[in-house]
Amino acid sequence: MALTNNDIFKKLRVAHKLRDDDIVKICALVDFKVTKSELGAIFRAEDHPKYVECGDQFLRNFLNGLVIHLRGPMPPKQKKPADS
């Protein structure tokens, strides 16, 4: 059975020991707004009536924010000097 986005998100949360506040701050690093109640719905059991599937866009934004959180922002690219 394949992992769902919710499963991947839960595993990343546990592996990095992230709390809801941490996840909200990480998503804010990429200008993606998320609330604690939205996170609660994603982390519920699949059979719960208020369960919400974690979409691709949500997971992608979280992963991009996690990269910035762990590594820091990308340094600006330097332009190569033109050959004279």
C-alpha atoms as a PDB file:
ATOM      1  CA  MET A   1       0.000   0.000   0.000  1.00  0.00           C
ATOM      2  CA  ALA A   2       1.418   3.374  -1.025  1.00  0.00           C
ATOM      3  CA  LEU A   3       1.916   6.248   1.376  1.00  0.00           C
ATOM      4  CA  THR A   4      -0.496   9.157   1.129  1.00  0.00           C
ATOM      5  CA  ASN A   5       0.509  12.801   1.455  1.00  0.00           C
ATOM      6  CA  ASN A   6      -0.986  12.714   4.960  1.00  0.00           C
ATOM      7  CA  ASP A   7       1.272   9.774   5.889  1.00  0.00           C
ATOM      8  CA  ILE A   8       4.356  11.553   4.552  1.00  0.00           C
ATOM      9  CA  PHE A   9       3.434  14.755   6.377  1.00  0.00           C
ATOM     10  CA  LYS A  10       2.896  12.862   9.662  1.00  0.00           C
ATOM     11  CA  LYS A  11       6.234  11.053   9.316  1.00  0.00           C
ATOM     12  CA  LEU A  12       8.086  14.317   8.649  1.00  0.00           C
ATOM     13  CA  ARG A  13       6.382  15.921  11.638  1.00  0.00           C
ATOM     14  CA  VAL A  14       7.510  13.111  13.946  1.00  0.00           C
ATOM     15  CA  ALA A  15      11.015  12.821  12.455  1.00  0.00           C
ATOM     16  CA  HIS A  16      11.707  16.536  12.909  1.00  0.00           C
ATOM     17  CA  LYS A  17       9.814  16.767  16.227  1.00  0.00           C
ATOM     18  CA  LEU A  18       7.622  19.592  14.925  1.00  0.00           C
ATOM     19  CA  ARG A  19       4.679  21.073  16.773  1.00  0.00           C
ATOM     20  CA  ASP A  20       1.748  22.834  15.131  1.00  0.00           C
ATOM     21  CA  ASP A  21       3.331  26.249  15.842  1.00  0.00           C
ATOM     22  CA  ASP A  22       6.534  25.131  14.132  1.00  0.00           C
ATOM     23  CA  ILE A  23       4.655  23.956  11.044  1.00  0.00           C
ATOM     24  CA  VAL A  24       2.733  27.248  10.821  1.00  0.00           C
ATOM     25  CA  LYS A  25       6.052  29.179  10.975  1.00  0.00           C
ATOM     26  CA  ILE A  26       7.676  26.889   8.386  1.00  0.00           C
ATOM     27  CA  CYS A  27       4.790  27.398   5.963  1.00  0.00           C
ATOM     28  CA  ALA A  28       5.003  31.156   6.533  1.00  0.00           C
ATOM     29  CA  LEU A  29       8.595  31.064   5.232  1.00  0.00           C
ATOM     30  CA  VAL A  30       7.180  30.429   1.750  1.00  0.00           C
ATOM     31  CA  ASP A  31       4.181  32.759   2.197  1.00  0.00           C
ATOM     32  CA  PHE A  32       1.780  29.847   2.646  1.00  0.00           C
ATOM     33  CA  LYS A  33      -0.802  30.512   5.336  1.00  0.00           C
ATOM     34  CA  VAL A  34      -2.090  27.573   7.347  1.00  0.00           C
ATOM     35  CA  THR A  35      -4.015  27.415  10.619  1.00  0.00           C
ATOM     36  CA  LYS A  36      -3.700  25.011  13.522  1.00  0.00           C
ATOM     37  CA  SER A  37      -7.222  23.756  12.878  1.00  0.00           C
ATOM     38  CA  GLU A  38      -6.298  22.861   9.277  1.00  0.00           C
ATOM     39  CA  LEU A  39      -3.305  20.933  10.599  1.00  0.00           C
ATOM     40  CA  GLY A  40      -5.504  19.143  13.108  1.00  0.00           C
ATOM     41  CA  ALA A  41      -7.801  17.992  10.305  1.00  0.00           C
ATOM     42  CA  ILE A  42      -4.843  16.691   8.283  1.00  0.00           C
ATOM     43  CA  PHE A  43      -3.375  14.759  11.224  1.00  0.00           C
ATOM     44  CA  ARG A  44      -6.655  13.028  12.161  1.00  0.00           C
ATOM     45  CA  ALA A  45      -7.358   9.376  11.502  1.00  0.00           C
ATOM     46  CA  GLU A  46      -8.766   8.624   8.048  1.00  0.00           C
ATOM     47  CA  ASP A  47     -12.053   7.373   9.476  1.00  0.00           C
ATOM     48  CA  HIS A  48     -12.662  10.566  11.497  1.00  0.00           C
ATOM     49  CA  PRO A  49     -15.545  12.699  10.153  1.00  0.00           C
ATOM     50  CA  LYS A  50     -13.399  15.869  10.035  1.00  0.00           C
ATOM     51  CA  TYR A  51     -10.414  14.237   8.312  1.00  0.00           C
ATOM     52  CA  VAL A  52      -8.985  16.238   5.388  1.00  0.00           C
ATOM     53  CA  GLU A  53      -6.632  14.923   2.723  1.00  0.00           C
ATOM     54  CA  CYS A  54      -3.318  16.724   2.432  1.00  0.00           C
ATOM     55  CA  GLY A  55      -3.108  18.023  -1.106  1.00  0.00           C
ATOM     56  CA  ASP A  56      -0.026  18.092  -3.290  1.00  0.00           C
ATOM     57  CA  GLN A  57       0.216  21.885  -3.106  1.00  0.00           C
ATOM     58  CA  PHE A  58       0.048  21.845   0.699  1.00  0.00           C
ATOM     59  CA  LEU A  59       2.785  19.232   1.002  1.00  0.00           C
ATOM     60  CA  ARG A  60       4.949  20.949  -1.642  1.00  0.00           C
ATOM     61  CA  ASN A  61       4.764  24.292   0.177  1.00  0.00           C
ATOM     62  CA  PHE A  62       5.564  22.637   3.494  1.00  0.00           C
ATOM     63  CA  LEU A  63       8.586  20.861   2.002  1.00  0.00           C
ATOM     64  CA  ASN A  64       9.877  24.083   0.428  1.00  0.00           C
ATOM     65  CA  GLY A  65       9.479  25.833   3.786  1.00  0.00           C
ATOM     66  CA  LEU A  66      11.201  22.954   5.572  1.00  0.00           C
ATOM     67  CA  VAL A  67      14.222  23.278   3.270  1.00  0.00           C
ATOM     68  CA  ILE A  68      14.487  26.976   4.121  1.00  0.00           C
ATOM     69  CA  HIS A  69      13.993  26.206   7.822  1.00  0.00           C
ATOM     70  CA  LEU A  70      16.760  23.605   7.867  1.00  0.00           C
ATOM     71  CA  ARG A  71      19.282  25.116   5.421  1.00  0.00           C
ATOM     72  CA  GLY A  72      18.446  28.799   5.418  1.00  0.00           C
ATOM     73  CA  PRO A  73      17.438  30.878   2.411  1.00  0.00           C
ATOM     74  CA  MET A  74      19.267  30.381  -0.860  1.00  0.00           C
ATOM     75  CA  PRO A  75      22.060  32.890  -1.391  1.00  0.00           C
ATOM     76  CA  PRO A  76      21.564  35.241  -4.334  1.00  0.00           C
ATOM     77  CA  LYS A  77      23.162  34.069  -7.567  1.00  0.00           C
ATOM     78  CA  GLN A  78      26.213  35.987  -8.678  1.00  0.00           C
ATOM     79  CA  LYS A  79      26.374  37.103 -12.265  1.00  0.00           C
ATOM     80  CA  LYS A  80      29.361  35.985 -14.275  1.00  0.00           C
ATOM     81  CA  PRO A  81      31.507  38.861 -15.504  1.00  0.00           C
ATOM     82  CA  ALA A  82      31.368  39.328 -19.273  1.00  0.00           C
ATOM     83  CA  ASP A  83      34.504  38.331 -21.180  1.00  0.00           C
ATOM     84  CA  SER A  84      36.195  41.370 -22.704  1.00  0.00           C
END
